[in-house]
Amino acid sequence: MREKRTSQSGNVPLSSNQAEDKISFLAQTAIFRQLSAQDLSAIEQNLTSLLCSPGRILYRPGEQSNTLFFVKNGRIQLYHLSTDGRKLITATLETGACFGEQSLYTPHRYTTFAEAIGPATLYLLNKAEIDQLLIHHTAVAGALMQLIGQRLADLETQLINTTFKSVTARLSELLLQLADTQAGDFDELTVNGFSHEELADRLGVYRETVSTALRELKDARAIQLSRKHIAIRQPDLLQHLSQTDSKTVLQRREH
């Protein structure tokens, strides 16, 4: 994977006529939702904006963390890279999400890559301002602690699944999760726009491994495959496979 190393020198203070837009955004985020209009106005004056082109690396593991990021629009991926180039996505963040929370605790170093996977606009708050917020607003501190706790819980779940579940079981669960965000009709679940490599990145495995698991699910008639399109034909079967020894289940169905 080609890395694009960038600094935050592209940060541009927002003009005064954008203050209302910033305050409206802050008021809808979980971290600042309980603050007064006066408090939000004070925070708004310290926010800067950052326009990101697709593929921009915001930070990488080991770099000093001194900024809290908020996604105004677009999508940001947090991920790890193995020494052989495999990618493990730990989070895909969209509008309203917050990241860069490593600036809140010691050592102040980022532990993942953060990359814009499309055009994105971010709001940034520096560490000095964050420290003042934590001192004066217990609600902000509580919300940030909840964010950190949820992120740790998600990572623990991912670790458990990676350790104890087969790739087919994990893929079944991932397909249901992705389909749930793209369709409202349970009988017509689809996953669109994901290549085999992108699905592999979500699971932290090789593309060939995902391709094999997809063929197994196709042969079991659980899914139907076409280019960057997966139609889920038997969601109940996928649900069952995601929670059991999928290899055993598929072998029984073959016999």
Protein backbone atom coordinates (compact mmCIF):
# COMPACT_ATOMS: atom_id res chain seq x y z
CA MET A 1 0.00 0.00 0.00
CA ARG A 2 1.34 3.41 -0.88
CA GLU A 3 1.49 5.81 2.03
CA LYS A 4 0.96 9.53 1.65
CA ARG A 5 2.63 11.32 4.49
CA THR A 6 1.11 14.71 5.23
CA SER A 7 1.22 17.29 7.95
CA GLN A 8 -1.61 19.36 9.35
CA SER A 9 -0.27 22.50 7.69
CA GLY A 10 -3.41 22.52 5.56
CA ASN A 11 -5.57 23.52 8.53
CA VAL A 12 -7.53 26.65 7.67
CA PRO A 13 -9.29 28.74 10.34
CA LEU A 14 -12.92 29.11 9.38
CA SER A 15 -14.30 32.56 8.60
CA SER A 16 -16.85 34.18 10.92
CA ASN A 17 -19.77 33.49 8.59
CA GLN A 18 -19.24 29.77 9.19
CA ALA A 19 -19.53 30.04 12.96
CA GLU A 20 -23.20 29.06 12.99
CA ASP A 21 -22.48 25.95 10.95
CA LYS A 22 -19.73 24.91 13.37
CA ILE A 23 -21.90 25.51 16.43
CA SER A 24 -24.72 23.48 14.88
CA PHE A 25 -22.29 20.62 14.23
CA LEU A 26 -20.92 20.72 17.78
CA ALA A 27 -24.42 20.71 19.26
CA GLN A 28 -25.21 17.44 17.45
CA THR A 29 -22.07 15.55 18.49
CA ALA A 30 -22.27 13.22 21.47
CA ILE A 31 -19.32 14.86 23.20
CA PHE A 32 -20.67 18.42 23.21
CA ARG A 33 -24.42 17.80 23.12
CA GLN A 34 -24.99 18.76 26.76
CA LEU A 35 -23.14 22.08 26.65
CA SER A 36 -24.80 25.48 26.61
CA ALA A 37 -24.90 27.73 23.55
CA GLN A 38 -22.36 30.00 25.22
CA ASP A 39 -19.95 27.10 25.79
CA LEU A 40 -20.38 25.88 22.22
CA SER A 41 -19.63 29.36 20.92
CA ALA A 42 -16.39 29.43 22.92
CA ILE A 43 -15.33 26.03 21.55
CA GLU A 44 -16.22 27.06 18.01
CA GLN A 45 -13.66 29.86 18.13
CA ASN A 46 -10.88 27.32 18.68
CA LEU A 47 -11.89 24.88 15.94
CA THR A 48 -10.01 24.76 12.68
CA SER A 49 -11.05 22.94 9.53
CA LEU A 50 -9.12 20.55 7.36
CA LEU A 51 -10.09 19.58 3.81
CA CYS A 52 -8.86 16.10 2.89
CA SER A 53 -8.44 14.57 -0.52
CA PRO A 54 -8.92 10.79 -0.91
CA GLY A 55 -5.98 8.84 0.42
CA ARG A 56 -4.68 11.52 2.74
CA ILE A 57 -2.91 10.04 5.77
CA LEU A 58 -3.77 12.11 8.84
CA TYR A 59 -1.40 10.27 11.14
CA ARG A 60 0.39 6.95 11.54
CA PRO A 61 1.47 4.79 14.50
CA GLY A 62 4.13 6.35 16.70
CA GLU A 63 3.47 9.96 15.77
CA GLN A 64 2.78 12.39 18.58
CA SER A 65 -0.93 12.82 19.27
CA ASN A 66 -1.93 16.39 19.97
CA THR A 67 -5.21 16.78 18.11
CA LEU A 68 -8.78 15.57 18.47
CA PHE A 69 -10.53 15.15 15.10
CA PHE A 70 -14.24 15.38 14.25
CA VAL A 71 -15.70 14.20 10.94
CA LYS A 72 -17.89 16.93 9.45
CA ASN A 73 -18.44 14.93 6.28
CA GLY A 74 -16.79 12.09 4.40
CA ARG A 75 -15.31 8.86 5.77
CA ILE A 76 -12.13 8.11 7.71
CA GLN A 77 -10.60 4.67 8.22
CA LEU A 78 -8.53 3.66 11.22
CA TYR A 79 -6.33 0.65 10.51
CA HIS A 80 -3.14 -1.29 11.20
CA LEU A 81 -0.63 -2.63 8.68
CA SER A 82 1.33 -5.86 9.15
CA THR A 83 4.97 -6.19 8.12
CA ASP A 84 3.87 -8.10 5.01
CA GLY A 85 1.44 -5.38 3.97
CA ARG A 86 -1.84 -6.82 5.21
CA LYS A 87 -4.35 -4.23 6.36
CA LEU A 88 -6.69 -4.57 9.33
CA ILE A 89 -9.42 -1.94 9.50
CA THR A 90 -10.52 -1.31 13.07
CA ALA A 91 -13.05 1.46 12.40
CA THR A 92 -14.73 3.32 9.54
CA LEU A 93 -15.90 6.72 10.80
CA GLU A 94 -18.53 8.97 9.26
CA THR A 95 -20.23 12.29 9.96
CA GLY A 96 -20.20 13.26 13.64
CA ALA A 97 -17.56 10.73 14.66
CA CYS A 98 -14.58 11.67 16.81
CA PHE A 99 -11.09 10.15 16.67
CA GLY A 100 -7.53 10.86 17.79
CA GLU A 101 -8.45 10.22 21.42
CA GLN A 102 -4.87 9.06 22.12
CA SER A 103 -4.14 12.73 22.81
CA LEU A 104 -6.10 12.30 26.04
CA TYR A 105 -3.81 9.79 27.71
CA THR A 106 -0.14 8.89 28.12
CA PRO A 107 1.88 8.16 26.08
CA HIS A 108 0.58 10.75 23.64
CA ARG A 109 1.21 8.64 20.55
CA TYR A 110 -1.13 7.47 17.83
CA THR A 111 -1.44 3.70 17.58
CA THR A 112 -3.14 3.36 14.17
CA PHE A 113 -3.17 4.86 10.73
CA ALA A 114 -5.98 7.32 9.98
CA GLU A 115 -6.80 7.85 6.31
CA ALA A 116 -9.48 9.67 4.36
CA ILE A 117 -11.08 7.15 1.99
CA GLY A 118 -12.85 9.84 0.00
CA PRO A 119 -13.14 13.62 0.07
CA ALA A 120 -13.62 14.65 3.70
CA THR A 121 -13.90 17.74 5.85
CA LEU A 122 -12.70 17.57 9.44
CA TYR A 123 -12.83 19.87 12.44
CA LEU A 124 -9.76 19.87 14.68
CA LEU A 125 -9.28 20.79 18.32
CA ASN A 126 -5.77 20.95 19.78
CA LYS A 127 -4.64 19.32 23.00
CA ALA A 128 -4.43 22.56 25.01
CA GLU A 129 -8.09 23.27 24.32
CA ILE A 130 -9.06 19.67 25.08
CA ASP A 131 -7.31 19.86 28.47
CA GLN A 132 -9.26 23.00 29.36
CA LEU A 133 -12.54 21.35 28.36
CA LEU A 134 -11.82 18.35 30.55
CA ILE A 135 -11.10 20.59 33.52
CA HIS A 136 -14.19 22.78 33.21
CA HIS A 137 -16.79 20.41 31.74
CA THR A 138 -17.32 17.05 33.40
CA ALA A 139 -19.95 16.16 30.77
CA VAL A 140 -17.29 16.36 28.04
CA ALA A 141 -14.91 14.20 30.09
CA GLY A 142 -17.66 11.62 30.63
CA ALA A 143 -18.57 11.53 26.94
CA LEU A 144 -14.94 11.08 25.93
CA MET A 145 -14.51 8.28 28.46
CA GLN A 146 -17.59 6.59 26.98
CA LEU A 147 -16.08 6.95 23.49
CA ILE A 148 -12.81 5.38 24.60
CA GLY A 149 -14.64 2.58 26.41
CA GLN A 150 -16.76 1.75 23.37
CA ARG A 151 -13.73 1.74 21.08
CA LEU A 152 -11.89 -0.62 23.43
CA ALA A 153 -14.95 -2.89 23.61
CA ASP A 154 -15.13 -2.99 19.80
CA LEU A 155 -11.44 -3.90 19.60
CA GLU A 156 -11.91 -6.64 22.20
CA THR A 157 -14.80 -8.10 20.19
CA GLN A 158 -12.68 -7.98 17.05
CA LEU A 159 -9.81 -9.73 18.83
CA ILE A 160 -12.09 -12.48 20.19
CA ASN A 161 -13.64 -13.08 16.78
CA THR A 162 -10.24 -13.20 15.09
CA THR A 163 -8.95 -15.68 17.65
CA PHE A 164 -11.90 -18.05 17.95
CA LYS A 165 -13.95 -17.78 14.74
CA SER A 166 -13.17 -19.08 11.29
CA VAL A 167 -12.81 -16.65 8.40
CA THR A 168 -16.12 -17.89 6.97
CA ALA A 169 -17.91 -17.17 10.24
CA ARG A 170 -16.36 -13.71 10.50
CA LEU A 171 -17.15 -12.98 6.86
CA SER A 172 -20.77 -14.05 7.36
CA GLU A 173 -21.08 -11.62 10.26
CA LEU A 174 -19.41 -8.82 8.30
CA LEU A 175 -21.70 -9.27 5.28
CA LEU A 176 -24.78 -9.03 7.50
CA GLN A 177 -23.42 -5.89 9.15
CA LEU A 178 -22.61 -4.22 5.84
CA ALA A 179 -25.94 -5.23 4.31
CA ASP A 180 -27.82 -3.86 7.30
CA THR A 181 -26.42 -0.39 6.56
CA GLN A 182 -27.34 -0.56 2.86
CA ALA A 183 -30.84 -2.01 2.81
CA GLY A 184 -34.05 -1.83 4.75
CA ASP A 185 -35.75 -4.96 3.46
CA PHE A 186 -34.42 -8.05 5.28
CA ASP A 187 -35.44 -10.28 2.36
CA GLU A 188 -33.37 -8.29 -0.14
CA LEU A 189 -30.12 -7.67 1.67
CA THR A 190 -27.20 -6.66 -0.55
CA VAL A 191 -23.61 -5.56 -0.08
CA ASN A 192 -22.46 -3.18 -2.80
CA GLY A 193 -19.17 -1.52 -3.64
CA PHE A 194 -16.75 -3.86 -1.82
CA SER A 195 -14.03 -5.78 -3.62
CA HIS A 196 -12.62 -9.03 -2.24
CA GLU A 197 -9.54 -7.10 -1.14
CA GLU A 198 -11.61 -4.52 0.74
CA LEU A 199 -13.49 -7.27 2.56
CA ALA A 200 -10.14 -8.88 3.38
CA ASP A 201 -8.95 -5.59 4.86
CA ARG A 202 -11.94 -5.57 7.17
CA LEU A 203 -10.99 -9.03 8.44
CA GLY A 204 -7.21 -8.65 8.41
CA VAL A 205 -6.63 -11.61 6.07
CA TYR A 206 -5.37 -12.17 2.53
CA ARG A 207 -7.65 -11.51 -0.44
CA GLU A 208 -7.38 -15.14 -1.52
CA THR A 209 -8.69 -16.26 1.86
CA VAL A 210 -11.79 -14.11 1.49
CA SER A 211 -12.32 -15.31 -2.08
CA THR A 212 -12.31 -18.92 -0.85
CA ALA A 213 -14.80 -18.11 1.93
CA LEU A 214 -17.09 -16.30 -0.52
CA ARG A 215 -17.09 -19.33 -2.81
CA GLU A 216 -18.05 -21.53 0.14
CA LEU A 217 -20.99 -19.26 0.94
CA LYS A 218 -21.98 -19.16 -2.72
CA ASP A 219 -21.86 -22.97 -3.00
CA ALA A 220 -24.08 -23.17 0.09
CA ARG A 221 -26.52 -20.82 -1.73
CA ALA A 222 -26.27 -18.33 1.10
CA ILE A 223 -25.16 -15.55 -1.26
CA GLN A 224 -25.02 -14.72 -4.94
CA LEU A 225 -21.90 -13.02 -6.30
CA SER A 226 -21.22 -10.51 -9.04
CA ARG A 227 -18.65 -7.74 -9.42
CA LYS A 228 -18.64 -5.66 -6.21
CA HIS A 229 -22.18 -6.86 -5.53
CA ILE A 230 -23.23 -9.57 -3.08
CA ALA A 231 -26.88 -10.55 -2.76
CA ILE A 232 -27.70 -12.33 0.48
CA ARG A 233 -30.14 -15.12 -0.33
CA GLN A 234 -30.27 -16.84 3.05
CA PRO A 235 -29.68 -14.32 5.86
CA ASP A 236 -30.74 -16.89 8.47
CA LEU A 237 -27.98 -19.23 7.28
CA LEU A 238 -25.40 -16.44 7.40
CA GLN A 239 -26.55 -15.56 10.90
CA HIS A 240 -26.17 -19.19 11.94
CA LEU A 241 -22.73 -19.46 10.33
CA SER A 242 -21.54 -16.30 12.07
CA GLN A 243 -22.21 -17.84 15.48
CA THR A 244 -21.08 -21.44 14.96
CA ASP A 245 -18.33 -23.61 13.51
CA SER A 246 -19.13 -22.62 9.93
CA LYS A 247 -16.95 -25.32 8.38
CA THR A 248 -18.93 -28.06 10.13
CA VAL A 249 -22.26 -26.51 9.15
CA LEU A 250 -21.28 -26.19 5.49
CA GLN A 251 -19.94 -29.77 5.36
CA ARG A 252 -23.22 -31.08 6.78
CA ARG A 253 -25.19 -29.17 4.15
CA GLU A 254 -23.04 -30.69 1.39
CA HIS A 255 -23.98 -34.19 2.61
